[in-house]
Amino acid sequence: MKENRKEGIRKIGKNGLIFLFLLILIAPIILTKEIGDLDELWNYNFARNVFDGLIPYRDFNMVQTPMLPIIASIGLKIFRK
């Protein structure tokens, strides 16, 4: 039983290292780009509205489908206070 637990911890550690490596590799590319046509800000605002409990099309207007803001709001729930 303890060996299975140790293997699980090793897998989590290995996956964590892979994620960290990819984050370090990709983050400078993304973070150094300029904000172009403000789509990033619109998407963040829609995700923030969903995070705050507002319902798309009823409480705030948007043209796109609400799947991306819903997925992004999950990230906000995880990484916000």
Protein backbone atom coordinates (compact mmCIF):
# COMPACT_ATOMS: atom_id res chain seq x y z
CA MET A 1 0.00 0.00 0.00
CA LYS A 2 2.82 2.40 0.86
CA GLU A 3 4.56 1.59 -2.42
CA ASN A 4 1.45 2.57 -4.40
CA ARG A 5 1.32 5.82 -2.47
CA LYS A 6 4.99 6.50 -3.17
CA GLU A 7 4.45 5.80 -6.87
CA GLY A 8 1.52 8.23 -6.87
CA ILE A 9 3.61 10.92 -5.23
CA ARG A 10 6.40 10.33 -7.76
CA LYS A 11 3.94 10.65 -10.65
CA ILE A 12 2.58 13.89 -9.22
CA GLY A 13 6.11 15.20 -8.76
CA LYS A 14 7.09 14.20 -12.29
CA ASN A 15 3.96 15.82 -13.75
CA GLY A 16 4.60 18.93 -11.66
CA LEU A 17 8.15 19.21 -12.99
CA ILE A 18 6.93 18.82 -16.58
CA PHE A 19 4.29 21.51 -16.00
CA LEU A 20 6.85 23.84 -14.42
CA PHE A 21 9.27 23.28 -17.29
CA LEU A 22 6.59 24.08 -19.87
CA LEU A 23 5.49 27.12 -17.87
CA ILE A 24 9.04 28.48 -17.76
CA LEU A 25 9.47 27.74 -21.46
CA ILE A 26 6.20 29.30 -22.68
CA ALA A 27 5.57 32.16 -20.20
CA PRO A 28 8.22 34.57 -21.57
CA ILE A 29 6.82 34.16 -25.08
CA ILE A 30 3.28 34.97 -23.99
CA LEU A 31 4.05 37.67 -21.44
CA THR A 32 6.30 39.72 -23.74
CA LYS A 33 3.66 40.07 -26.46
CA GLU A 34 1.81 43.36 -26.72
CA ILE A 35 -1.91 43.54 -26.14
CA GLY A 36 -3.24 43.78 -29.67
CA ASP A 37 -6.93 44.28 -30.35
CA LEU A 38 -7.97 44.03 -26.68
CA ASP A 39 -9.54 40.56 -27.09
CA GLU A 40 -7.53 39.43 -24.07
CA LEU A 41 -9.16 42.08 -21.91
CA TRP A 42 -12.66 41.25 -23.17
CA ASN A 43 -12.14 37.55 -22.46
CA TYR A 44 -10.78 38.28 -18.98
CA ASN A 45 -13.73 40.57 -18.22
CA PHE A 46 -16.24 37.92 -19.35
CA ALA A 47 -14.48 35.30 -17.19
CA ARG A 48 -14.48 37.70 -14.23
CA ASN A 49 -18.20 38.28 -14.66
CA VAL A 50 -18.87 34.53 -14.63
CA PHE A 51 -16.58 34.21 -11.58
CA ASP A 52 -18.62 36.91 -9.83
CA GLY A 53 -21.78 34.89 -10.40
CA LEU A 54 -23.26 36.77 -13.34
CA ILE A 55 -24.98 34.78 -16.08
CA PRO A 56 -23.94 35.38 -19.73
CA TYR A 57 -26.60 36.97 -21.97
CA ARG A 58 -28.85 37.69 -18.98
CA ASP A 59 -26.60 39.79 -16.72
CA PHE A 60 -24.02 40.94 -19.26
CA ASN A 61 -23.89 41.02 -23.06
CA MET A 62 -21.43 39.11 -25.16
CA VAL A 63 -21.21 38.07 -28.81
CA GLN A 64 -19.21 34.87 -28.45
CA THR A 65 -20.36 31.62 -26.90
CA PRO A 66 -19.86 31.41 -23.13
CA MET A 67 -17.70 28.25 -22.99
CA LEU A 68 -14.33 30.05 -22.94
CA PRO A 69 -15.31 32.47 -20.14
CA ILE A 70 -16.70 29.58 -18.09
CA ILE A 71 -13.45 27.61 -18.44
CA ALA A 72 -11.37 30.72 -17.69
CA SER A 73 -13.48 31.46 -14.61
CA ILE A 74 -12.50 28.05 -13.24
CA GLY A 75 -8.89 29.21 -13.47
CA LEU A 76 -9.81 32.40 -11.64
CA LYS A 77 -11.47 30.37 -8.90
CA ILE A 78 -8.35 28.27 -8.48
CA PHE A 79 -5.75 31.05 -8.55
CA ARG A 80 -7.65 33.89 -6.88
CA LYS A 81 -7.76 34.53 -3.16
